[in-house]
Amino acid sequence: MSSNQQLIFLQEKIKEIGSAIFFNLSDSVLKIPTSVVHTIRLDDFGYVWFYMQKPRQDIAAFEKEFPVKMDYFKKGSDFFLQVNGKAYVVSDPEEINTLELAEQQTALYDMMLVKVKILKAEYYETRTGRISLFKQAISKFTTWFRNNQYRPDTYYPAS
């Protein structure tokens, strides 16, 4: 699968789920806290865009770019995503205006715009619904004879 196809696949899946738990993986003493974010957009360059609550401290005291992990999960969905990347706090008014959102002016007072460059995404499919007792028995039987380590589909759209 080409990097463009990977990106299109990830765009569809992220759009379907919509929100994620944002984890700041920086070693900095003062860092943006873990929070739930709602994706505004995923562009053609592999950036996930969203607003998040501004910290109480002066925003200038925080790092402008830092490593992050985002967990996209939705109850009842048959998949989830774990995205690793690099976050950038967007402060350039020209870049903010490229989003062309109606609520952007009101949101900027207590929110900050962040974009995350996807470096790695792991896609996991989950089982939903009921499985017959026969299928459960076969599954348990076969795991005795092989190492049944579940591995995700991994994507690197930045490459």
N, C-alpha and C. Protein backbone atom coordinates (compact mmCIF):
# COMPACT_ATOMS: atom_id res chain seq x y z
N MET A 1 0.85 -1.17 0.00
CA MET A 1 0.00 0.00 0.00
C MET A 1 0.90 1.24 0.00
N SER A 2 0.66 2.15 -0.92
CA SER A 2 1.49 3.35 -1.01
C SER A 2 1.18 4.29 0.15
N SER A 3 2.09 5.24 0.38
CA SER A 3 1.88 6.18 1.49
C SER A 3 0.63 7.02 1.28
N ASN A 4 0.29 7.33 0.01
CA ASN A 4 -0.93 8.09 -0.27
C ASN A 4 -2.17 7.27 0.07
N GLN A 5 -2.16 5.98 -0.27
CA GLN A 5 -3.28 5.09 0.06
C GLN A 5 -3.40 4.92 1.58
N GLN A 6 -2.25 4.82 2.25
CA GLN A 6 -2.26 4.71 3.71
C GLN A 6 -2.90 5.95 4.33
N LEU A 7 -2.53 7.11 3.82
CA LEU A 7 -3.06 8.36 4.35
C LEU A 7 -4.57 8.46 4.12
N ILE A 8 -5.05 8.07 2.96
CA ILE A 8 -6.48 8.08 2.67
C ILE A 8 -7.22 7.13 3.62
N PHE A 9 -6.65 5.95 3.84
CA PHE A 9 -7.24 4.98 4.76
C PHE A 9 -7.33 5.58 6.17
N LEU A 10 -6.23 6.19 6.63
CA LEU A 10 -6.22 6.80 7.97
C LEU A 10 -7.19 7.96 8.06
N GLN A 11 -7.31 8.76 7.00
CA GLN A 11 -8.27 9.87 7.00
C GLN A 11 -9.68 9.36 7.21
N GLU A 12 -10.05 8.29 6.53
CA GLU A 12 -11.38 7.72 6.66
C GLU A 12 -11.63 7.22 8.08
N LYS A 13 -10.66 6.52 8.63
CA LYS A 13 -10.84 5.92 9.96
C LYS A 13 -10.87 7.00 11.05
N ILE A 14 -10.01 8.00 10.95
CA ILE A 14 -9.99 9.08 11.94
C ILE A 14 -11.29 9.88 11.86
N LYS A 15 -11.77 10.12 10.65
CA LYS A 15 -13.03 10.85 10.47
C LYS A 15 -14.19 10.05 11.08
N GLU A 16 -14.17 8.74 10.90
CA GLU A 16 -15.23 7.89 11.42
C GLU A 16 -15.29 7.93 12.95
N ILE A 17 -14.15 7.93 13.60
CA ILE A 17 -14.12 7.96 15.07
C ILE A 17 -14.29 9.39 15.58
N GLY A 18 -13.53 10.32 15.04
CA GLY A 18 -13.71 11.74 15.36
C GLY A 18 -12.95 12.30 16.53
N SER A 19 -12.83 11.57 17.62
CA SER A 19 -12.15 12.12 18.79
C SER A 19 -11.10 11.14 19.31
N ALA A 20 -10.15 11.68 20.08
CA ALA A 20 -9.04 10.87 20.58
C ALA A 20 -8.61 11.36 21.95
N ILE A 21 -7.88 10.51 22.64
CA ILE A 21 -7.21 10.93 23.87
C ILE A 21 -5.80 11.34 23.47
N PHE A 22 -5.44 12.56 23.82
CA PHE A 22 -4.17 13.18 23.45
C PHE A 22 -3.21 13.03 24.62
N PHE A 23 -2.06 12.39 24.39
CA PHE A 23 -1.03 12.21 25.41
C PHE A 23 0.24 12.94 24.99
N ASN A 24 0.74 13.83 25.83
CA ASN A 24 1.99 14.52 25.59
C ASN A 24 3.12 13.62 26.10
N LEU A 25 4.03 13.22 25.23
CA LEU A 25 5.12 12.31 25.60
C LEU A 25 6.43 13.04 25.87
N SER A 26 6.37 14.34 26.00
CA SER A 26 7.57 15.14 26.23
C SER A 26 8.15 14.88 27.62
N ASP A 27 9.45 15.08 27.75
CA ASP A 27 10.11 14.97 29.05
C ASP A 27 10.16 16.31 29.77
N SER A 28 9.55 17.31 29.21
CA SER A 28 9.55 18.64 29.78
C SER A 28 8.83 18.67 31.13
N VAL A 29 9.28 19.55 32.01
CA VAL A 29 8.64 19.69 33.32
C VAL A 29 7.25 20.29 33.16
N LEU A 30 7.14 21.30 32.33
CA LEU A 30 5.86 21.97 32.08
C LEU A 30 5.36 21.51 30.71
N LYS A 31 4.31 20.70 30.73
CA LYS A 31 3.81 20.19 29.45
C LYS A 31 2.29 20.24 29.39
N ILE A 32 1.80 20.29 28.16
CA ILE A 32 0.35 20.31 27.93
C ILE A 32 -0.23 19.00 28.44
N PRO A 33 -1.29 19.06 29.24
CA PRO A 33 -1.82 17.85 29.87
C PRO A 33 -2.59 16.94 28.91
N THR A 34 -2.77 15.71 29.34
CA THR A 34 -3.57 14.74 28.61
C THR A 34 -5.00 15.24 28.55
N SER A 35 -5.62 15.11 27.38
CA SER A 35 -7.01 15.56 27.24
C SER A 35 -7.68 14.87 26.07
N VAL A 36 -9.00 14.98 26.03
CA VAL A 36 -9.78 14.47 24.91
C VAL A 36 -9.86 15.58 23.87
N VAL A 37 -9.58 15.24 22.63
CA VAL A 37 -9.62 16.23 21.54
C VAL A 37 -10.54 15.72 20.44
N HIS A 38 -11.12 16.66 19.71
CA HIS A 38 -12.01 16.33 18.59
C HIS A 38 -11.35 16.81 17.31
N THR A 39 -11.11 15.89 16.42
CA THR A 39 -10.41 16.19 15.17
C THR A 39 -11.25 17.10 14.30
N ILE A 40 -10.62 18.18 13.84
CA ILE A 40 -11.27 19.10 12.91
C ILE A 40 -11.03 18.64 11.48
N ARG A 41 -9.80 18.24 11.25
CA ARG A 41 -9.41 17.94 9.87
C ARG A 41 -8.13 17.10 9.86
N LEU A 42 -7.99 16.29 8.82
CA LEU A 42 -6.75 15.57 8.54
C LEU A 42 -6.38 15.96 7.12
N ASP A 43 -5.27 16.70 6.98
CA ASP A 43 -4.94 17.23 5.65
C ASP A 43 -4.14 16.23 4.82
N ASP A 44 -3.84 16.63 3.59
CA ASP A 44 -3.14 15.75 2.64
C ASP A 44 -1.66 15.58 2.94
N PHE A 45 -1.15 16.30 3.93
CA PHE A 45 0.25 16.18 4.32
C PHE A 45 0.42 15.30 5.56
N GLY A 46 -0.67 14.73 6.05
CA GLY A 46 -0.61 13.84 7.20
C GLY A 46 -0.67 14.53 8.54
N TYR A 47 -1.25 15.74 8.59
CA TYR A 47 -1.42 16.46 9.85
C TYR A 47 -2.85 16.32 10.34
N VAL A 48 -3.01 15.99 11.61
CA VAL A 48 -4.31 15.97 12.27
C VAL A 48 -4.45 17.30 12.99
N TRP A 49 -5.54 18.05 12.73
CA TRP A 49 -5.76 19.38 13.31
C TRP A 49 -6.89 19.31 14.34
N PHE A 50 -6.71 20.01 15.46
CA PHE A 50 -7.75 20.08 16.49
C PHE A 50 -7.48 21.24 17.43
N TYR A 51 -8.52 21.66 18.12
CA TYR A 51 -8.39 22.66 19.18
C TYR A 51 -8.31 21.93 20.50
N MET A 52 -7.60 22.51 21.43
CA MET A 52 -7.60 21.98 22.80
C MET A 52 -7.56 23.14 23.78
N GLN A 53 -7.97 22.87 25.00
CA GLN A 53 -8.04 23.89 26.03
C GLN A 53 -6.64 24.46 26.30
N LYS A 54 -6.57 25.80 26.36
CA LYS A 54 -5.29 26.44 26.71
C LYS A 54 -4.99 26.16 28.17
N PRO A 55 -3.73 25.91 28.50
CA PRO A 55 -3.37 25.75 29.91
C PRO A 55 -3.48 27.08 30.66
N ARG A 56 -3.57 27.02 31.95
CA ARG A 56 -3.70 28.24 32.76
C ARG A 56 -2.43 29.08 32.73
N GLN A 57 -1.29 28.42 32.60
CA GLN A 57 -0.03 29.13 32.54
C GLN A 57 0.11 29.83 31.19
N ASP A 58 1.07 30.72 31.10
CA ASP A 58 1.35 31.42 29.85
C ASP A 58 1.76 30.40 28.79
N ILE A 59 1.12 30.45 27.66
CA ILE A 59 1.37 29.48 26.59
C ILE A 59 2.80 29.55 26.08
N ALA A 60 3.44 30.69 26.21
CA ALA A 60 4.82 30.86 25.76
C ALA A 60 5.80 30.01 26.58
N ALA A 61 5.39 29.58 27.77
CA ALA A 61 6.26 28.78 28.63
C ALA A 61 6.32 27.31 28.19
N PHE A 62 5.44 26.91 27.31
CA PHE A 62 5.38 25.53 26.86
C PHE A 62 6.19 25.32 25.59
N GLU A 63 6.55 24.06 25.35
CA GLU A 63 7.24 23.71 24.11
C GLU A 63 6.29 23.95 22.93
N LYS A 64 6.85 24.37 21.82
CA LYS A 64 6.05 24.60 20.62
C LYS A 64 5.90 23.32 19.79
N GLU A 65 6.80 22.37 19.97
CA GLU A 65 6.69 21.07 19.31
C GLU A 65 7.17 19.99 20.26
N PHE A 66 6.49 18.84 20.24
CA PHE A 66 6.77 17.78 21.19
C PHE A 66 6.16 16.47 20.69
N PRO A 67 6.70 15.32 21.15
CA PRO A 67 6.15 14.03 20.73
C PRO A 67 4.82 13.74 21.43
N VAL A 68 3.91 13.07 20.70
CA VAL A 68 2.60 12.76 21.24
C VAL A 68 2.14 11.37 20.83
N LYS A 69 1.15 10.90 21.55
CA LYS A 69 0.43 9.68 21.18
C LYS A 69 -1.05 10.03 21.25
N MET A 70 -1.82 9.57 20.28
CA MET A 70 -3.26 9.81 20.27
C MET A 70 -3.96 8.46 20.10
N ASP A 71 -4.90 8.18 21.00
CA ASP A 71 -5.68 6.95 20.93
C ASP A 71 -7.08 7.27 20.42
N TYR A 72 -7.40 6.80 19.22
CA TYR A 72 -8.72 6.97 18.63
C TYR A 72 -9.53 5.72 18.92
N PHE A 73 -10.58 5.89 19.72
CA PHE A 73 -11.44 4.77 20.10
C PHE A 73 -12.87 5.26 20.20
N LYS A 74 -13.80 4.45 19.74
CA LYS A 74 -15.21 4.78 19.85
C LYS A 74 -15.95 3.52 20.26
N LYS A 75 -16.71 3.62 21.33
CA LYS A 75 -17.47 2.47 21.83
C LYS A 75 -18.38 1.93 20.72
N GLY A 76 -18.36 0.61 20.56
CA GLY A 76 -19.18 -0.03 19.55
C GLY A 76 -18.53 -0.12 18.18
N SER A 77 -17.41 0.55 17.99
CA SER A 77 -16.70 0.50 16.72
C SER A 77 -15.93 -0.81 16.62
N ASP A 78 -15.71 -1.27 15.40
CA ASP A 78 -15.00 -2.54 15.22
C ASP A 78 -13.50 -2.35 15.01
N PHE A 79 -12.98 -1.16 15.35
CA PHE A 79 -11.55 -0.90 15.23
C PHE A 79 -11.16 0.24 16.16
N PHE A 80 -9.86 0.39 16.38
CA PHE A 80 -9.32 1.57 17.04
C PHE A 80 -7.94 1.84 16.48
N LEU A 81 -7.47 3.08 16.67
CA LEU A 81 -6.18 3.52 16.14
C LEU A 81 -5.31 4.06 17.26
N GLN A 82 -4.03 3.82 17.17
CA GLN A 82 -3.05 4.47 18.03
C GLN A 82 -2.08 5.20 17.11
N VAL A 83 -2.06 6.52 17.25
CA VAL A 83 -1.24 7.37 16.38
C VAL A 83 -0.09 7.95 17.19
N ASN A 84 1.12 7.83 16.67
CA ASN A 84 2.29 8.48 17.24
C ASN A 84 2.75 9.54 16.27
N GLY A 85 3.15 10.68 16.82
CA GLY A 85 3.58 11.75 15.93
C GLY A 85 4.21 12.89 16.68
N LYS A 86 4.34 13.99 15.99
CA LYS A 86 4.94 15.20 16.56
C LYS A 86 3.89 16.30 16.51
N ALA A 87 3.62 16.90 17.67
CA ALA A 87 2.62 17.97 17.77
C ALA A 87 3.28 19.32 17.64
N TYR A 88 2.56 20.24 17.03
CA TYR A 88 3.00 21.62 16.86
C TYR A 88 1.87 22.53 17.33
N VAL A 89 2.18 23.45 18.23
CA VAL A 89 1.22 24.46 18.64
C VAL A 89 1.21 25.52 17.54
N VAL A 90 0.04 25.75 16.95
CA VAL A 90 -0.08 26.68 15.83
C VAL A 90 -0.41 28.06 16.38
N SER A 91 0.48 29.01 16.11
CA SER A 91 0.25 30.38 16.59
C SER A 91 0.27 31.40 15.45
N ASP A 92 0.66 30.99 14.27
CA ASP A 92 0.71 31.88 13.11
C ASP A 92 -0.72 32.16 12.63
N PRO A 93 -1.17 33.44 12.66
CA PRO A 93 -2.54 33.76 12.25
C PRO A 93 -2.86 33.35 10.81
N GLU A 94 -1.87 33.41 9.95
CA GLU A 94 -2.09 33.02 8.56
C GLU A 94 -2.39 31.52 8.45
N GLU A 95 -1.68 30.73 9.23
CA GLU A 95 -1.91 29.29 9.22
C GLU A 95 -3.26 28.95 9.86
N ILE A 96 -3.63 29.69 10.89
CA ILE A 96 -4.93 29.49 11.54
C ILE A 96 -6.06 29.80 10.57
N ASN A 97 -5.91 30.84 9.78
CA ASN A 97 -6.94 31.23 8.83
C ASN A 97 -7.13 30.23 7.69
N THR A 98 -6.15 29.35 7.47
CA THR A 98 -6.29 28.36 6.40
C THR A 98 -7.39 27.35 6.71
N LEU A 99 -7.74 27.21 7.99
CA LEU A 99 -8.79 26.26 8.35
C LEU A 99 -10.17 26.75 7.95
N GLU A 100 -10.35 28.06 7.87
CA GLU A 100 -11.61 28.66 7.44
C GLU A 100 -12.79 28.12 8.23
N LEU A 101 -12.69 28.16 9.53
CA LEU A 101 -13.78 27.70 10.38
C LEU A 101 -14.54 28.88 10.95
N ALA A 102 -15.83 28.77 11.01
CA ALA A 102 -16.65 29.87 11.51
C ALA A 102 -16.40 30.13 12.99
N GLU A 103 -16.19 29.07 13.75
CA GLU A 103 -16.02 29.25 15.20
C GLU A 103 -14.59 29.57 15.61
N GLN A 104 -13.67 29.69 14.66
CA GLN A 104 -12.27 29.84 15.04
C GLN A 104 -12.00 31.10 15.84
N GLN A 105 -12.66 32.21 15.55
CA GLN A 105 -12.39 33.44 16.27
C GLN A 105 -12.81 33.35 17.74
N THR A 106 -13.96 32.76 18.01
CA THR A 106 -14.41 32.63 19.39
C THR A 106 -13.60 31.58 20.13
N ALA A 107 -13.19 30.55 19.42
CA ALA A 107 -12.45 29.47 20.06
C ALA A 107 -11.04 29.87 20.44
N LEU A 108 -10.47 30.86 19.77
CA LEU A 108 -9.07 31.20 20.01
C LEU A 108 -8.82 31.83 21.37
N TYR A 109 -9.82 32.37 22.02
CA TYR A 109 -9.61 33.02 23.31
C TYR A 109 -9.29 32.03 24.42
N ASP A 110 -9.98 30.92 24.48
CA ASP A 110 -9.71 29.95 25.54
C ASP A 110 -9.19 28.61 25.01
N MET A 111 -8.99 28.53 23.70
CA MET A 111 -8.50 27.31 23.08
C MET A 111 -7.22 27.61 22.30
N MET A 112 -6.48 26.55 22.01
CA MET A 112 -5.31 26.70 21.15
C MET A 112 -5.38 25.66 20.05
N LEU A 113 -4.87 26.02 18.90
CA LEU A 113 -4.87 25.14 17.74
C LEU A 113 -3.60 24.31 17.74
N VAL A 114 -3.76 23.01 17.53
CA VAL A 114 -2.62 22.09 17.51
C VAL A 114 -2.74 21.23 16.26
N LYS A 115 -1.59 20.94 15.66
CA LYS A 115 -1.56 19.99 14.55
C LYS A 115 -0.53 18.92 14.89
N VAL A 116 -0.85 17.69 14.53
CA VAL A 116 0.04 16.56 14.81
C VAL A 116 0.40 15.89 13.49
N LYS A 117 1.68 15.80 13.23
CA LYS A 117 2.18 15.09 12.05
C LYS A 117 2.20 13.60 12.39
N ILE A 118 1.44 12.81 11.63
CA ILE A 118 1.40 11.37 11.88
C ILE A 118 2.70 10.74 11.39
N LEU A 119 3.43 10.13 12.31
CA LEU A 119 4.66 9.42 11.95
C LEU A 119 4.43 7.92 11.89
N LYS A 120 3.52 7.44 12.74
CA LYS A 120 3.21 6.01 12.78
C LYS A 120 1.78 5.86 13.28
N ALA A 121 1.03 4.97 12.65
CA ALA A 121 -0.33 4.69 13.09
C ALA A 121 -0.53 3.18 13.13
N GLU A 122 -1.07 2.69 14.22
CA GLU A 122 -1.36 1.27 14.36
C GLU A 122 -2.87 1.09 14.37
N TYR A 123 -3.35 0.26 13.45
CA TYR A 123 -4.77 0.00 13.27
C TYR A 123 -5.09 -1.37 13.83
N TYR A 124 -6.04 -1.43 14.76
CA TYR A 124 -6.46 -2.68 15.38
C TYR A 124 -7.92 -2.94 15.07
N GLU A 125 -8.25 -4.13 14.64
CA GLU A 125 -9.64 -4.52 14.49
C GLU A 125 -10.06 -5.25 15.76
N THR A 126 -11.28 -4.98 16.18
CA THR A 126 -11.80 -5.62 17.38
C THR A 126 -12.97 -6.52 16.99
N ARG A 127 -13.23 -7.46 17.83
CA ARG A 127 -14.36 -8.36 17.58
C ARG A 127 -15.60 -7.75 18.22
N THR A 128 -16.65 -7.66 17.45
CA THR A 128 -17.92 -7.20 17.99
C THR A 128 -18.97 -8.26 17.72
N GLY A 129 -19.98 -8.27 18.53
CA GLY A 129 -21.05 -9.24 18.36
C GLY A 129 -20.74 -10.53 19.08
N ARG A 130 -21.62 -11.47 18.95
CA ARG A 130 -21.48 -12.75 19.64
C ARG A 130 -20.79 -13.76 18.74
N ILE A 131 -20.00 -14.59 19.37
CA ILE A 131 -19.31 -15.67 18.67
C ILE A 131 -19.91 -16.98 19.18
N SER A 132 -20.17 -17.90 18.28
CA SER A 132 -20.77 -19.17 18.69
C SER A 132 -19.81 -19.93 19.60
N LEU A 133 -20.38 -20.81 20.41
CA LEU A 133 -19.57 -21.63 21.32
C LEU A 133 -18.60 -22.51 20.56
N PHE A 134 -19.00 -22.99 19.39
CA PHE A 134 -18.14 -23.82 18.57
C PHE A 134 -16.91 -23.04 18.12
N LYS A 135 -17.11 -21.79 17.65
CA LYS A 135 -15.99 -20.96 17.21
C LYS A 135 -15.09 -20.59 18.38
N GLN A 136 -15.66 -20.34 19.55
CA GLN A 136 -14.86 -20.04 20.73
C GLN A 136 -13.97 -21.23 21.09
N ALA A 137 -14.54 -22.44 21.03
CA ALA A 137 -13.78 -23.65 21.36
C ALA A 137 -12.64 -23.85 20.39
N ILE A 138 -12.90 -23.68 19.09
CA ILE A 138 -11.84 -23.84 18.09
C ILE A 138 -10.75 -22.79 18.30
N SER A 139 -11.13 -21.57 18.59
CA SER A 139 -10.15 -20.51 18.82
C SER A 139 -9.26 -20.83 20.01
N LYS A 140 -9.85 -21.28 21.10
CA LYS A 140 -9.06 -21.63 22.29
C LYS A 140 -8.15 -22.82 22.02
N PHE A 141 -8.66 -23.81 21.29
CA PHE A 141 -7.88 -24.99 20.95
C PHE A 141 -6.66 -24.63 20.11
N THR A 142 -6.85 -23.78 19.09
CA THR A 142 -5.74 -23.44 18.21
C THR A 142 -4.69 -22.56 18.91
N THR A 143 -5.08 -21.77 19.90
CA THR A 143 -4.10 -20.94 20.61
C THR A 143 -3.16 -21.78 21.46
N TRP A 144 -3.55 -23.01 21.81
CA TRP A 144 -2.65 -23.87 22.57
C TRP A 144 -1.44 -24.29 21.73
N PHE A 145 -1.62 -24.39 20.41
CA PHE A 145 -0.58 -24.92 19.54
C PHE A 145 0.23 -23.87 18.79
N ARG A 146 -0.16 -22.65 18.90
CA ARG A 146 0.62 -21.59 18.24
C ARG A 146 0.61 -20.35 19.11
N ASN A 147 1.62 -19.56 18.90
CA ASN A 147 1.72 -18.30 19.64
C ASN A 147 0.76 -17.32 18.97
N ASN A 148 -0.36 -17.04 19.59
CA ASN A 148 -1.40 -16.23 18.98
C ASN A 148 -1.25 -14.76 19.40
N GLN A 149 -0.11 -14.17 19.08
CA GLN A 149 0.10 -12.76 19.37
C GLN A 149 -0.62 -11.92 18.35
N TYR A 150 -1.49 -11.05 18.79
CA TYR A 150 -2.24 -10.19 17.88
C TYR A 150 -1.37 -9.01 17.50
N ARG A 151 -1.21 -8.79 16.21
CA ARG A 151 -0.39 -7.69 15.73
C ARG A 151 -1.26 -6.76 14.90
N PRO A 152 -1.06 -5.46 15.09
CA PRO A 152 -1.87 -4.50 14.32
C PRO A 152 -1.31 -4.30 12.93
N ASP A 153 -2.11 -3.66 12.08
CA ASP A 153 -1.61 -3.14 10.82
C ASP A 153 -0.93 -1.83 11.14
N THR A 154 0.32 -1.66 10.70
CA THR A 154 1.07 -0.46 11.01
C THR A 154 1.29 0.34 9.75
N TYR A 155 1.05 1.66 9.85
CA TYR A 155 1.18 2.56 8.71
C TYR A 155 2.18 3.66 9.03
N TYR A 156 2.96 4.05 8.03
CA TYR A 156 3.90 5.14 8.13
C TYR A 156 3.63 6.11 6.99
N PRO A 157 2.58 6.94 7.09
CA PRO A 157 2.21 7.79 5.96
C PRO A 157 3.19 8.91 5.66
N ALA A 158 4.08 9.22 6.58
CA ALA A 158 5.05 10.31 6.37
C ALA A 158 6.18 9.89 5.44
N SER A 159 6.38 8.59 5.26
CA SER A 159 7.52 8.15 4.44
C SER A 159 7.24 8.19 2.98
